[in-house]
Amino acid sequence: MRSARSTGRALGVLLLLQLAAALMVPFILLRPLTAGSPDFLTAAAAHSFQIRTAVLLFFAGGALTISLGVTAFPVLRRHSNAWALWFLIICAVSFTLDAVHNAAVMSMLSLSQQYVEGGASALEPYRVVGAAVASARRWAHYSQLVAIGGWIFVFYAALFRFALIPRPLAALGLVGILLQFVGVTLLMYLGYSTVGQMAMPLLPIQIATAVWLMVKGFREQTLAPAT
């Protein structure tokens, strides 16, 4: 069986790769869509390859999220079967919502391509449908953020609970994801403008945790029977 230290190092690599995908796709590759409707109706078709690449990377990022749950499972199970299962399940839920979001993205791209190819006399209905499709993608994204926040919270809570990394670092992770959830996700659901600055601390915390794991791995401990 792989040691906790080597498992932690593998998890650190996965965490860094997942973070890179999570940053690159929404903030760079999906920019033609994030302008919303009706702007995406022309922008998406003009950046078709870029958007298709984004979807593939989103699937890769979701696979990395599941890999985090699978990789951490043996170590977490030594401490608690319940924690190990909860983390694996929330990672799988996150992947599922990534797939739902990807379907909404591809729907926007298909509509954009039809809009560009349509005649001038038939464009107005596309604008009406476009607003609905853009709204569907936006809410799929909000649900996606809930799941992402969920697996990150469970991840840091487990690291803190079982002292698998220094507890101050795990505590910072908990604070970071709570700030992100309140400042971005919760405000979105309540209909208020987001406070992007509240999400910023999570990035260096994620990087620091990934680097720590790659260098140190999980702490080896003498364990009580798992519950």
C-alpha atoms as a PDB file:
ATOM      1  CA  MET A   1       0.000   0.000   0.000  1.00  0.00           C
ATOM      2  CA  ARG A   2       1.253   3.474  -0.870  1.00  0.00           C
ATOM      3  CA  SER A   3       2.436   5.454   2.166  1.00  0.00           C
ATOM      4  CA  ALA A   4       0.561   8.515   3.392  1.00  0.00           C
ATOM      5  CA  ARG A   5       3.561  10.650   2.490  1.00  0.00           C
ATOM      6  CA  SER A   6       3.677   9.528  -1.150  1.00  0.00           C
ATOM      7  CA  THR A   7      -0.123   9.753  -1.423  1.00  0.00           C
ATOM      8  CA  GLY A   8       0.013  13.328  -0.176  1.00  0.00           C
ATOM      9  CA  ARG A   9       2.658  14.203  -2.752  1.00  0.00           C
ATOM     10  CA  ALA A  10       0.520  12.755  -5.546  1.00  0.00           C
ATOM     11  CA  LEU A  11      -2.466  14.687  -4.217  1.00  0.00           C
ATOM     12  CA  GLY A  12      -0.439  17.902  -4.268  1.00  0.00           C
ATOM     13  CA  VAL A  13       0.316  17.453  -7.971  1.00  0.00           C
ATOM     14  CA  LEU A  14      -3.349  16.739  -8.735  1.00  0.00           C
ATOM     15  CA  LEU A  15      -4.430  19.767  -6.710  1.00  0.00           C
ATOM     16  CA  LEU A  16      -2.107  22.066  -8.645  1.00  0.00           C
ATOM     17  CA  LEU A  17      -3.229  20.684 -12.024  1.00  0.00           C
ATOM     18  CA  GLN A  18      -6.889  20.990 -11.049  1.00  0.00           C
ATOM     19  CA  LEU A  19      -6.327  24.577  -9.935  1.00  0.00           C
ATOM     20  CA  ALA A  20      -4.672  25.454 -13.257  1.00  0.00           C
ATOM     21  CA  ALA A  21      -7.655  24.081 -15.194  1.00  0.00           C
ATOM     22  CA  ALA A  22     -10.126  25.848 -12.910  1.00  0.00           C
ATOM     23  CA  LEU A  23      -8.427  29.191 -13.527  1.00  0.00           C
ATOM     24  CA  MET A  24      -7.692  28.860 -17.238  1.00  0.00           C
ATOM     25  CA  VAL A  25     -11.118  27.758 -18.456  1.00  0.00           C
ATOM     26  CA  PRO A  26     -13.586  30.287 -16.982  1.00  0.00           C
ATOM     27  CA  PHE A  27     -11.306  33.322 -16.910  1.00  0.00           C
ATOM     28  CA  ILE A  28      -9.592  32.894 -20.292  1.00  0.00           C
ATOM     29  CA  LEU A  29     -11.139  30.343 -22.633  1.00  0.00           C
ATOM     30  CA  LEU A  30     -14.806  31.050 -21.887  1.00  0.00           C
ATOM     31  CA  ARG A  31     -14.601  34.829 -22.149  1.00  0.00           C
ATOM     32  CA  PRO A  32     -16.632  34.860 -25.414  1.00  0.00           C
ATOM     33  CA  LEU A  33     -19.569  33.449 -23.420  1.00  0.00           C
ATOM     34  CA  THR A  34     -19.281  35.292 -20.127  1.00  0.00           C
ATOM     35  CA  ALA A  35     -20.295  38.568 -21.794  1.00  0.00           C
ATOM     36  CA  GLY A  36     -23.818  37.131 -21.793  1.00  0.00           C
ATOM     37  CA  SER A  37     -26.648  37.700 -24.240  1.00  0.00           C
ATOM     38  CA  PRO A  38     -26.850  38.980 -26.932  1.00  0.00           C
ATOM     39  CA  ASP A  39     -23.070  39.483 -27.284  1.00  0.00           C
ATOM     40  CA  PHE A  40     -22.293  35.757 -27.176  1.00  0.00           C
ATOM     41  CA  LEU A  41     -24.465  35.136 -30.251  1.00  0.00           C
ATOM     42  CA  THR A  42     -21.691  36.408 -32.511  1.00  0.00           C
ATOM     43  CA  ALA A  43     -18.662  35.949 -30.238  1.00  0.00           C
ATOM     44  CA  ALA A  44     -19.116  32.228 -29.543  1.00  0.00           C
ATOM     45  CA  ALA A  45     -19.230  31.172 -33.192  1.00  0.00           C
ATOM     46  CA  ALA A  46     -16.111  33.252 -33.897  1.00  0.00           C
ATOM     47  CA  HIS A  47     -14.257  31.384 -31.124  1.00  0.00           C
ATOM     48  CA  SER A  48     -15.656  27.908 -31.696  1.00  0.00           C
ATOM     49  CA  PHE A  49     -12.355  26.041 -31.318  1.00  0.00           C
ATOM     50  CA  GLN A  50     -11.502  27.953 -28.148  1.00  0.00           C
ATOM     51  CA  ILE A  51     -14.847  27.100 -26.548  1.00  0.00           C
ATOM     52  CA  ARG A  52     -14.636  23.430 -27.528  1.00  0.00           C
ATOM     53  CA  THR A  53     -11.159  23.336 -25.999  1.00  0.00           C
ATOM     54  CA  ALA A  54     -12.561  24.889 -22.836  1.00  0.00           C
ATOM     55  CA  VAL A  55     -15.194  22.160 -22.571  1.00  0.00           C
ATOM     56  CA  LEU A  56     -12.582  19.426 -22.956  1.00  0.00           C
ATOM     57  CA  LEU A  57     -10.434  21.076 -20.286  1.00  0.00           C
ATOM     58  CA  PHE A  58     -13.457  21.361 -18.024  1.00  0.00           C
ATOM     59  CA  PHE A  59     -13.982  17.607 -18.354  1.00  0.00           C
ATOM     60  CA  ALA A  60     -10.288  17.084 -17.621  1.00  0.00           C
ATOM     61  CA  GLY A  61     -10.567  19.321 -14.567  1.00  0.00           C
ATOM     62  CA  GLY A  62     -13.598  17.369 -13.385  1.00  0.00           C
ATOM     63  CA  ALA A  63     -11.683  14.113 -13.842  1.00  0.00           C
ATOM     64  CA  LEU A  64      -8.876  15.592 -11.751  1.00  0.00           C
ATOM     65  CA  THR A  65     -11.395  16.428  -9.038  1.00  0.00           C
ATOM     66  CA  ILE A  66     -12.561  12.799  -8.945  1.00  0.00           C
ATOM     67  CA  SER A  67      -8.898  11.745  -8.914  1.00  0.00           C
ATOM     68  CA  LEU A  68      -8.430  13.858  -5.788  1.00  0.00           C
ATOM     69  CA  GLY A  69     -11.225  11.941  -4.075  1.00  0.00           C
ATOM     70  CA  VAL A  70      -9.914   8.557  -5.215  1.00  0.00           C
ATOM     71  CA  THR A  71      -6.307   9.355  -4.289  1.00  0.00           C
ATOM     72  CA  ALA A  72      -7.181  10.708  -0.845  1.00  0.00           C
ATOM     73  CA  PHE A  73      -9.629   7.890  -0.083  1.00  0.00           C
ATOM     74  CA  PRO A  74      -7.142   5.316   1.315  1.00  0.00           C
ATOM     75  CA  VAL A  75      -5.528   7.860   3.660  1.00  0.00           C
ATOM     76  CA  LEU A  76      -8.808   9.355   4.860  1.00  0.00           C
ATOM     77  CA  ARG A  77     -10.286   5.869   5.341  1.00  0.00           C
ATOM     78  CA  ARG A  78      -7.518   5.055   7.833  1.00  0.00           C
ATOM     79  CA  HIS A  79      -8.925   7.875   9.959  1.00  0.00           C
ATOM     80  CA  SER A  80     -12.642   7.729   9.145  1.00  0.00           C
ATOM     81  CA  ASN A  81     -14.680   5.783   6.618  1.00  0.00           C
ATOM     82  CA  ALA A  82     -17.352   8.499   6.705  1.00  0.00           C
ATOM     83  CA  TRP A  83     -14.927  11.326   5.874  1.00  0.00           C
ATOM     84  CA  ALA A  84     -13.374   9.304   3.055  1.00  0.00           C
ATOM     85  CA  LEU A  85     -16.781   8.555   1.525  1.00  0.00           C
ATOM     86  CA  TRP A  86     -18.051  12.116   1.908  1.00  0.00           C
ATOM     87  CA  PHE A  87     -15.025  13.536   0.133  1.00  0.00           C
ATOM     88  CA  LEU A  88     -15.257  11.024  -2.712  1.00  0.00           C
ATOM     89  CA  ILE A  89     -18.997  11.650  -3.119  1.00  0.00           C
ATOM     90  CA  ILE A  90     -18.731  15.444  -3.204  1.00  0.00           C
ATOM     91  CA  CYS A  91     -15.920  15.176  -5.763  1.00  0.00           C
ATOM     92  CA  ALA A  92     -18.192  13.007  -7.936  1.00  0.00           C
ATOM     93  CA  VAL A  93     -21.053  15.502  -7.538  1.00  0.00           C
ATOM     94  CA  SER A  94     -18.709  18.291  -8.602  1.00  0.00           C
ATOM     95  CA  PHE A  95     -17.782  16.369 -11.759  1.00  0.00           C
ATOM     96  CA  THR A  96     -21.462  15.795 -12.540  1.00  0.00           C
ATOM     97  CA  LEU A  97     -22.273  19.507 -12.266  1.00  0.00           C
ATOM     98  CA  ASP A  98     -19.217  20.279 -14.415  1.00  0.00           C
ATOM     99  CA  ALA A  99     -20.778  18.048 -17.079  1.00  0.00           C
ATOM    100  CA  VAL A 100     -24.128  19.877 -16.777  1.00  0.00           C
ATOM    101  CA  HIS A 101     -22.339  23.194 -17.189  1.00  0.00           C
ATOM    102  CA  ASN A 102     -20.478  21.865 -20.229  1.00  0.00           C
ATOM    103  CA  ALA A 103     -23.785  20.920 -21.857  1.00  0.00           C
ATOM    104  CA  ALA A 104     -25.034  24.484 -21.329  1.00  0.00           C
ATOM    105  CA  VAL A 105     -21.830  25.863 -22.856  1.00  0.00           C
ATOM    106  CA  MET A 106     -22.209  23.690 -25.949  1.00  0.00           C
ATOM    107  CA  SER A 107     -25.848  24.768 -26.255  1.00  0.00           C
ATOM    108  CA  MET A 108     -24.722  28.402 -26.340  1.00  0.00           C
ATOM    109  CA  LEU A 109     -22.129  27.589 -28.994  1.00  0.00           C
ATOM    110  CA  SER A 110     -24.667  25.731 -31.158  1.00  0.00           C
ATOM    111  CA  LEU A 111     -27.142  28.593 -30.895  1.00  0.00           C
ATOM    112  CA  SER A 112     -24.431  31.103 -31.796  1.00  0.00           C
ATOM    113  CA  GLN A 113     -23.484  29.132 -34.901  1.00  0.00           C
ATOM    114  CA  GLN A 114     -27.121  28.944 -35.996  1.00  0.00           C
ATOM    115  CA  TYR A 115     -27.514  32.671 -35.367  1.00  0.00           C
ATOM    116  CA  VAL A 116     -24.505  33.542 -37.516  1.00  0.00           C
ATOM    117  CA  GLU A 117     -25.728  31.282 -40.313  1.00  0.00           C
ATOM    118  CA  GLY A 118     -29.338  32.563 -40.165  1.00  0.00           C
ATOM    119  CA  GLY A 119     -30.845  35.168 -42.420  1.00  0.00           C
ATOM    120  CA  ALA A 120     -31.397  38.760 -41.304  1.00  0.00           C
ATOM    121  CA  SER A 121     -35.163  38.267 -41.162  1.00  0.00           C
ATOM    122  CA  ALA A 122     -34.872  35.383 -38.682  1.00  0.00           C
ATOM    123  CA  LEU A 123     -32.440  36.814 -36.137  1.00  0.00           C
ATOM    124  CA  GLU A 124     -34.818  38.218 -33.519  1.00  0.00           C
ATOM    125  CA  PRO A 125     -36.051  34.819 -32.210  1.00  0.00           C
ATOM    126  CA  TYR A 126     -32.430  33.830 -31.609  1.00  0.00           C
ATOM    127  CA  ARG A 127     -31.987  36.816 -29.305  1.00  0.00           C
ATOM    128  CA  VAL A 128     -34.953  35.703 -27.201  1.00  0.00           C
ATOM    129  CA  VAL A 129     -33.741  32.104 -26.999  1.00  0.00           C
ATOM    130  CA  GLY A 130     -30.189  33.338 -26.457  1.00  0.00           C
ATOM    131  CA  ALA A 131     -31.173  35.169 -23.286  1.00  0.00           C
ATOM    132  CA  ALA A 132     -32.739  31.973 -21.915  1.00  0.00           C
ATOM    133  CA  VAL A 133     -29.762  29.776 -22.840  1.00  0.00           C
ATOM    134  CA  ALA A 134     -27.283  32.264 -21.368  1.00  0.00           C
ATOM    135  CA  SER A 135     -29.312  32.340 -18.149  1.00  0.00           C
ATOM    136  CA  ALA A 136     -29.350  28.539 -17.998  1.00  0.00           C
ATOM    137  CA  ARG A 137     -25.561  28.430 -18.329  1.00  0.00           C
ATOM    138  CA  ARG A 138     -25.165  31.077 -15.652  1.00  0.00           C
ATOM    139  CA  TRP A 139     -27.255  29.131 -13.140  1.00  0.00           C
ATOM    140  CA  ALA A 140     -25.482  25.899 -14.038  1.00  0.00           C
ATOM    141  CA  HIS A 141     -22.268  27.746 -13.229  1.00  0.00           C
ATOM    142  CA  TYR A 142     -23.635  28.895  -9.853  1.00  0.00           C
ATOM    143  CA  SER A 143     -24.530  25.279  -9.000  1.00  0.00           C
ATOM    144  CA  GLN A 144     -21.056  24.268 -10.133  1.00  0.00           C
ATOM    145  CA  LEU A 145     -19.562  26.792  -7.701  1.00  0.00           C
ATOM    146  CA  VAL A 146     -21.545  25.281  -4.814  1.00  0.00           C
ATOM    147  CA  ALA A 147     -20.119  21.834  -5.548  1.00  0.00           C
ATOM    148  CA  ILE A 148     -16.588  23.180  -5.966  1.00  0.00           C
ATOM    149  CA  GLY A 149     -16.879  24.994  -2.657  1.00  0.00           C
ATOM    150  CA  GLY A 150     -18.222  21.789  -1.107  1.00  0.00           C
ATOM    151  CA  TRP A 151     -15.292  19.556  -2.028  1.00  0.00           C
ATOM    152  CA  ILE A 152     -12.744  22.223  -1.098  1.00  0.00           C
ATOM    153  CA  PHE A 153     -14.416  22.704   2.310  1.00  0.00           C
ATOM    154  CA  VAL A 154     -14.541  18.963   3.020  1.00  0.00           C
ATOM    155  CA  PHE A 155     -10.931  18.644   1.851  1.00  0.00           C
ATOM    156  CA  TYR A 156      -9.595  21.275   4.239  1.00  0.00           C
ATOM    157  CA  ALA A 157     -11.889  20.151   7.057  1.00  0.00           C
ATOM    158  CA  ALA A 158     -10.449  16.628   6.761  1.00  0.00           C
ATOM    159  CA  LEU A 159      -6.881  17.953   6.625  1.00  0.00           C
ATOM    160  CA  PHE A 160      -7.586  19.990   9.766  1.00  0.00           C
ATOM    161  CA  ARG A 161      -9.524  17.270  11.611  1.00  0.00           C
ATOM    162  CA  PHE A 162      -6.841  14.632  11.145  1.00  0.00           C
ATOM    163  CA  ALA A 163      -3.817  16.990  11.158  1.00  0.00           C
ATOM    164  CA  LEU A 164      -2.598  15.645   7.826  1.00  0.00           C
ATOM    165  CA  ILE A 165      -0.894  18.985   7.147  1.00  0.00           C
ATOM    166  CA  PRO A 166      -0.070  21.760   9.631  1.00  0.00           C
ATOM    167  CA  ARG A 167      -3.385  22.807  11.138  1.00  0.00           C
ATOM    168  CA  PRO A 168      -2.797  26.558  10.634  1.00  0.00           C
ATOM    169  CA  LEU A 169      -2.532  25.945   6.874  1.00  0.00           C
ATOM    170  CA  ALA A 170      -5.675  23.794   6.865  1.00  0.00           C
ATOM    171  CA  ALA A 171      -7.483  26.456   8.918  1.00  0.00           C
ATOM    172  CA  LEU A 172      -6.493  29.080   6.350  1.00  0.00           C
ATOM    173  CA  GLY A 173      -8.001  26.856   3.667  1.00  0.00           C
ATOM    174  CA  LEU A 174     -11.294  26.737   5.565  1.00  0.00           C
ATOM    175  CA  VAL A 175     -11.297  30.507   5.971  1.00  0.00           C
ATOM    176  CA  GLY A 176     -10.433  30.981   2.292  1.00  0.00           C
ATOM    177  CA  ILE A 177     -13.253  28.813   0.972  1.00  0.00           C
ATOM    178  CA  LEU A 178     -15.784  30.362   3.364  1.00  0.00           C
ATOM    179  CA  LEU A 179     -14.780  33.836   2.185  1.00  0.00           C
ATOM    180  CA  GLN A 180     -15.126  32.721  -1.429  1.00  0.00           C
ATOM    181  CA  PHE A 181     -18.535  31.172  -0.771  1.00  0.00           C
ATOM    182  CA  VAL A 182     -19.909  34.233   1.022  1.00  0.00           C
ATOM    183  CA  GLY A 183     -18.332  36.832  -1.265  1.00  0.00           C
ATOM    184  CA  VAL A 184     -19.178  35.134  -4.569  1.00  0.00           C
ATOM    185  CA  THR A 185     -21.487  32.104  -4.527  1.00  0.00           C
ATOM    186  CA  LEU A 186     -23.904  33.152  -1.790  1.00  0.00           C
ATOM    187  CA  LEU A 187     -24.229  36.709  -3.102  1.00  0.00           C
ATOM    188  CA  MET A 188     -24.962  35.339  -6.591  1.00  0.00           C
ATOM    189  CA  TYR A 189     -27.857  33.279  -5.225  1.00  0.00           C
ATOM    190  CA  LEU A 190     -29.166  36.223  -3.223  1.00  0.00           C
ATOM    191  CA  GLY A 191     -29.128  38.418  -6.316  1.00  0.00           C
ATOM    192  CA  TYR A 192     -26.423  40.824  -5.184  1.00  0.00           C
ATOM    193  CA  SER A 193     -23.210  41.894  -6.886  1.00  0.00           C
ATOM    194  CA  THR A 194     -20.265  39.681  -5.995  1.00  0.00           C
ATOM    195  CA  VAL A 195     -17.229  40.834  -4.031  1.00  0.00           C
ATOM    196  CA  GLY A 196     -14.416  39.264  -6.029  1.00  0.00           C
ATOM    197  CA  GLN A 197     -11.771  40.373  -3.539  1.00  0.00           C
ATOM    198  CA  MET A 198     -13.195  37.916  -1.005  1.00  0.00           C
ATOM    199  CA  ALA A 199     -12.317  35.005  -3.304  1.00  0.00           C
ATOM    200  CA  MET A 200      -8.720  36.111  -3.867  1.00  0.00           C
ATOM    201  CA  PRO A 201      -7.157  34.705  -0.647  1.00  0.00           C
ATOM    202  CA  LEU A 202      -8.125  31.162  -1.648  1.00  0.00           C
ATOM    203  CA  LEU A 203      -5.727  31.091  -4.618  1.00  0.00           C
ATOM    204  CA  PRO A 204      -2.432  31.483  -2.680  1.00  0.00           C
ATOM    205  CA  ILE A 205      -3.771  29.139   0.008  1.00  0.00           C
ATOM    206  CA  GLN A 206      -4.492  26.448  -2.601  1.00  0.00           C
ATOM    207  CA  ILE A 207      -1.047  26.906  -4.132  1.00  0.00           C
ATOM    208  CA  ALA A 208       0.646  26.797  -0.718  1.00  0.00           C
ATOM    209  CA  THR A 209      -1.236  23.615   0.210  1.00  0.00           C
ATOM    210  CA  ALA A 210      -0.352  21.944  -3.094  1.00  0.00           C
ATOM    211  CA  VAL A 211       3.323  22.858  -2.733  1.00  0.00           C
ATOM    212  CA  TRP A 212       3.389  21.670   0.894  1.00  0.00           C
ATOM    213  CA  LEU A 213       1.884  18.333  -0.105  1.00  0.00           C
ATOM    214  CA  MET A 214       4.280  17.899  -3.035  1.00  0.00           C
ATOM    215  CA  VAL A 215       7.264  18.531  -0.750  1.00  0.00           C
ATOM    216  CA  LYS A 216       6.163  16.968   2.537  1.00  0.00           C
ATOM    217  CA  GLY A 217       3.197  14.734   1.745  1.00  0.00           C
ATOM    218  CA  PHE A 218       0.703  13.765   4.437  1.00  0.00           C
ATOM    219  CA  ARG A 219       1.943  13.308   7.963  1.00  0.00           C
ATOM    220  CA  GLU A 220       2.501   9.685   8.903  1.00  0.00           C
ATOM    221  CA  GLN A 221       0.585   8.860  12.068  1.00  0.00           C
ATOM    222  CA  THR A 222      -0.314   5.947  14.277  1.00  0.00           C
ATOM    223  CA  LEU A 223      -4.025   5.562  13.737  1.00  0.00           C
ATOM    224  CA  ALA A 224      -6.952   4.424  15.801  1.00  0.00           C
ATOM    225  CA  PRO A 225      -9.489   2.156  14.063  1.00  0.00           C
ATOM    226  CA  ALA A 226     -11.521   4.042  11.448  1.00  0.00           C
ATOM    227  CA  THR A 227     -15.167   4.862  12.161  1.00  0.00           C
END
